[in-house]
Amino acid sequence: MDSIDKKILAIQQVDSTVAVAAIAERVGLSATACWRRIRNLEKSGVIRRRVALLDAKSLGVGVTVFVSLKTSKHSQKWLESFAAHVAAIDEIVEFYRMSGEVDYLLKVVVPDIAGFDAVYKRLIAVVDFSDVSSSFAMEEIKYATALPLNYAI
């Protein structure tokens, strides 16, 4: 990945609807050469997909909850079952396996506390945990989807 690829990515991270011709002009390439680079970035998995970022409050899911989970079970079979259950719950928008004292961290978006309670009940009905702790975000101070490009190789 060179500096031109990084410039292309910087543009696309801000607005993936920018036309290839406009990107090409901004990075100093022909449209064809720019399009080839974008296709290569997609094929290599650097560009995973193109999406629209939606406003959670406008869609009625303005409450964000971070759920820390601990379990005494650490088998591959248990993780696969847990991951399948998490995948089936649309309100869980991020899911991480962690190091340290917490085993898993979930980011959940819901309309209100009752909505979170419904998600919580779905989780505990199908998976055994040794501890569940939930923290409600009081205020979103920074939200970014753009990744830093200065580390890209």
Protein backbone atom coordinates (compact mmCIF):
# COMPACT_ATOMS: atom_id res chain seq x y z
CA MET A 1 0.00 0.00 0.00
CA ASP A 2 1.46 3.32 -1.02
CA SER A 3 0.59 6.95 -0.33
CA ILE A 4 -1.90 7.07 -3.21
CA ASP A 5 -3.82 4.09 -1.82
CA LYS A 6 -3.90 5.83 1.56
CA LYS A 7 -5.27 9.01 -0.06
CA ILE A 8 -7.96 6.99 -1.81
CA LEU A 9 -8.89 5.31 1.46
CA ALA A 10 -8.98 8.63 3.30
CA ILE A 11 -11.46 9.98 0.76
CA GLN A 12 -13.61 6.86 0.78
CA GLN A 13 -13.71 6.65 4.58
CA VAL A 14 -15.31 10.09 4.69
CA ASP A 15 -17.68 9.54 1.74
CA SER A 16 -17.81 6.31 -0.23
CA THR A 17 -20.17 7.88 -2.76
CA VAL A 18 -17.47 10.13 -4.25
CA ALA A 19 -17.20 9.28 -7.93
CA VAL A 20 -14.07 7.47 -9.09
CA ALA A 21 -13.29 10.34 -11.47
CA ALA A 22 -13.36 12.84 -8.59
CA ILE A 23 -11.17 10.60 -6.43
CA ALA A 24 -8.75 10.15 -9.33
CA GLU A 25 -8.47 13.89 -9.82
CA ARG A 26 -7.81 14.46 -6.10
CA VAL A 27 -5.07 11.81 -5.94
CA GLY A 28 -3.48 12.55 -9.32
CA LEU A 29 -4.43 9.42 -11.27
CA SER A 30 -6.49 8.60 -14.32
CA ALA A 31 -9.99 7.33 -13.56
CA THR A 32 -9.07 3.87 -14.88
CA ALA A 33 -5.95 3.60 -12.72
CA CYS A 34 -7.87 4.83 -9.68
CA TRP A 35 -10.69 2.34 -10.31
CA ARG A 36 -8.12 -0.49 -10.53
CA ARG A 37 -6.62 0.52 -7.20
CA ILE A 38 -10.04 0.65 -5.55
CA ARG A 39 -10.88 -2.81 -6.94
CA ASN A 40 -7.55 -4.15 -5.63
CA LEU A 41 -8.25 -2.66 -2.20
CA GLU A 42 -11.64 -4.40 -2.25
CA LYS A 43 -10.23 -7.74 -3.46
CA SER A 44 -7.50 -7.70 -0.80
CA GLY A 45 -10.07 -7.05 1.94
CA VAL A 46 -8.78 -3.60 2.90
CA ILE A 47 -12.15 -2.20 1.83
CA ARG A 48 -14.52 -4.68 3.45
CA ARG A 49 -17.78 -3.12 2.27
CA ARG A 50 -19.52 0.18 1.59
CA VAL A 51 -22.37 1.18 3.86
CA ALA A 52 -24.55 4.10 4.87
CA LEU A 53 -24.06 5.28 8.44
CA LEU A 54 -27.45 5.81 10.02
CA ASP A 55 -28.46 8.04 12.91
CA ALA A 56 -29.45 5.84 15.86
CA LYS A 57 -31.67 8.45 17.52
CA SER A 58 -33.59 9.06 14.29
CA LEU A 59 -34.27 5.33 14.11
CA GLY A 60 -35.45 5.07 17.70
CA VAL A 61 -32.40 3.26 19.09
CA GLY A 62 -30.67 6.15 20.84
CA VAL A 63 -29.66 4.22 23.97
CA THR A 64 -26.25 2.53 23.83
CA VAL A 65 -25.34 -0.15 26.34
CA PHE A 66 -21.95 -1.82 26.78
CA VAL A 67 -22.30 -5.32 28.21
CA SER A 68 -19.33 -7.05 29.83
CA LEU A 69 -19.65 -10.82 30.07
CA LYS A 70 -17.67 -13.40 31.98
CA THR A 71 -18.02 -17.12 31.52
CA SER A 72 -16.45 -20.21 32.99
CA LYS A 73 -16.76 -21.97 29.63
CA HIS A 74 -14.04 -21.45 27.06
CA SER A 75 -14.48 -24.21 24.51
CA GLN A 76 -14.69 -23.61 20.77
CA LYS A 77 -18.11 -25.25 20.70
CA TRP A 78 -19.42 -22.89 23.40
CA LEU A 79 -18.02 -19.84 21.57
CA GLU A 80 -19.57 -20.92 18.27
CA SER A 81 -22.96 -21.38 19.94
CA PHE A 82 -22.68 -18.03 21.73
CA ALA A 83 -21.59 -16.23 18.54
CA ALA A 84 -24.56 -17.71 16.66
CA HIS A 85 -26.97 -16.46 19.31
CA VAL A 86 -25.38 -12.99 19.30
CA ALA A 87 -25.58 -12.85 15.48
CA ALA A 88 -29.33 -13.43 15.71
CA ILE A 89 -29.89 -10.35 17.90
CA ASP A 90 -30.01 -7.23 15.71
CA GLU A 91 -29.65 -4.87 18.68
CA ILE A 92 -26.13 -6.21 19.31
CA VAL A 93 -24.09 -4.17 16.85
CA GLU A 94 -20.57 -5.02 18.04
CA PHE A 95 -19.15 -8.14 19.68
CA TYR A 96 -15.59 -8.66 20.94
CA ARG A 97 -13.64 -11.40 22.71
CA MET A 98 -11.47 -9.64 25.26
CA SER A 99 -8.30 -10.16 27.23
CA GLY A 100 -8.23 -9.44 30.95
CA GLU A 101 -11.02 -9.88 33.47
CA VAL A 102 -13.89 -9.60 30.98
CA ASP A 103 -14.32 -12.40 28.44
CA TYR A 104 -16.68 -10.68 25.97
CA LEU A 105 -17.85 -7.14 25.33
CA LEU A 106 -21.05 -6.31 23.48
CA LYS A 107 -22.30 -2.99 22.19
CA VAL A 108 -26.08 -2.90 22.19
CA VAL A 109 -28.37 -0.22 20.77
CA VAL A 110 -31.97 -0.07 21.98
CA PRO A 111 -34.78 2.45 22.36
CA ASP A 112 -34.87 2.35 26.17
CA ILE A 113 -34.19 0.30 29.30
CA ALA A 114 -37.11 -2.02 28.56
CA GLY A 115 -35.60 -2.69 25.15
CA PHE A 116 -32.29 -3.58 26.75
CA ASP A 117 -34.04 -5.83 29.27
CA ALA A 118 -35.55 -7.79 26.39
CA VAL A 119 -32.10 -8.24 24.81
CA TYR A 120 -30.64 -9.24 28.19
CA LYS A 121 -33.35 -11.86 28.69
CA ARG A 122 -32.69 -13.30 25.22
CA LEU A 123 -28.98 -13.61 26.05
CA ILE A 124 -29.34 -15.28 29.43
CA ALA A 125 -32.02 -17.65 28.13
CA VAL A 126 -29.61 -19.34 25.74
CA VAL A 127 -26.11 -18.89 27.17
CA ASP A 128 -24.64 -19.54 30.60
CA PHE A 129 -22.53 -16.71 32.06
CA SER A 130 -20.75 -16.39 35.36
CA ASP A 131 -21.18 -12.58 35.37
CA VAL A 132 -22.95 -9.95 33.30
CA SER A 133 -22.40 -6.23 33.80
CA SER A 134 -24.10 -3.50 31.80
CA SER A 135 -23.12 0.15 31.44
CA PHE A 136 -25.40 2.69 29.79
CA ALA A 137 -23.66 5.39 27.77
CA MET A 138 -24.69 8.77 29.12
CA GLU A 139 -23.30 10.80 26.22
CA GLU A 140 -21.57 10.05 22.94
CA ILE A 141 -18.49 12.27 22.93
CA LYS A 142 -16.66 10.83 19.94
CA TYR A 143 -17.92 8.51 17.25
CA ALA A 144 -15.72 7.75 14.29
CA THR A 145 -15.76 5.08 11.64
CA ALA A 146 -12.60 6.25 9.85
CA LEU A 147 -9.52 4.23 10.75
CA PRO A 148 -6.07 5.85 11.12
CA LEU A 149 -4.11 5.29 7.93
CA ASN A 150 -0.63 6.26 9.10
CA TYR A 151 0.01 2.66 10.26
CA ALA A 152 -1.07 1.02 7.00
CA ILE A 153 1.61 -1.00 5.27
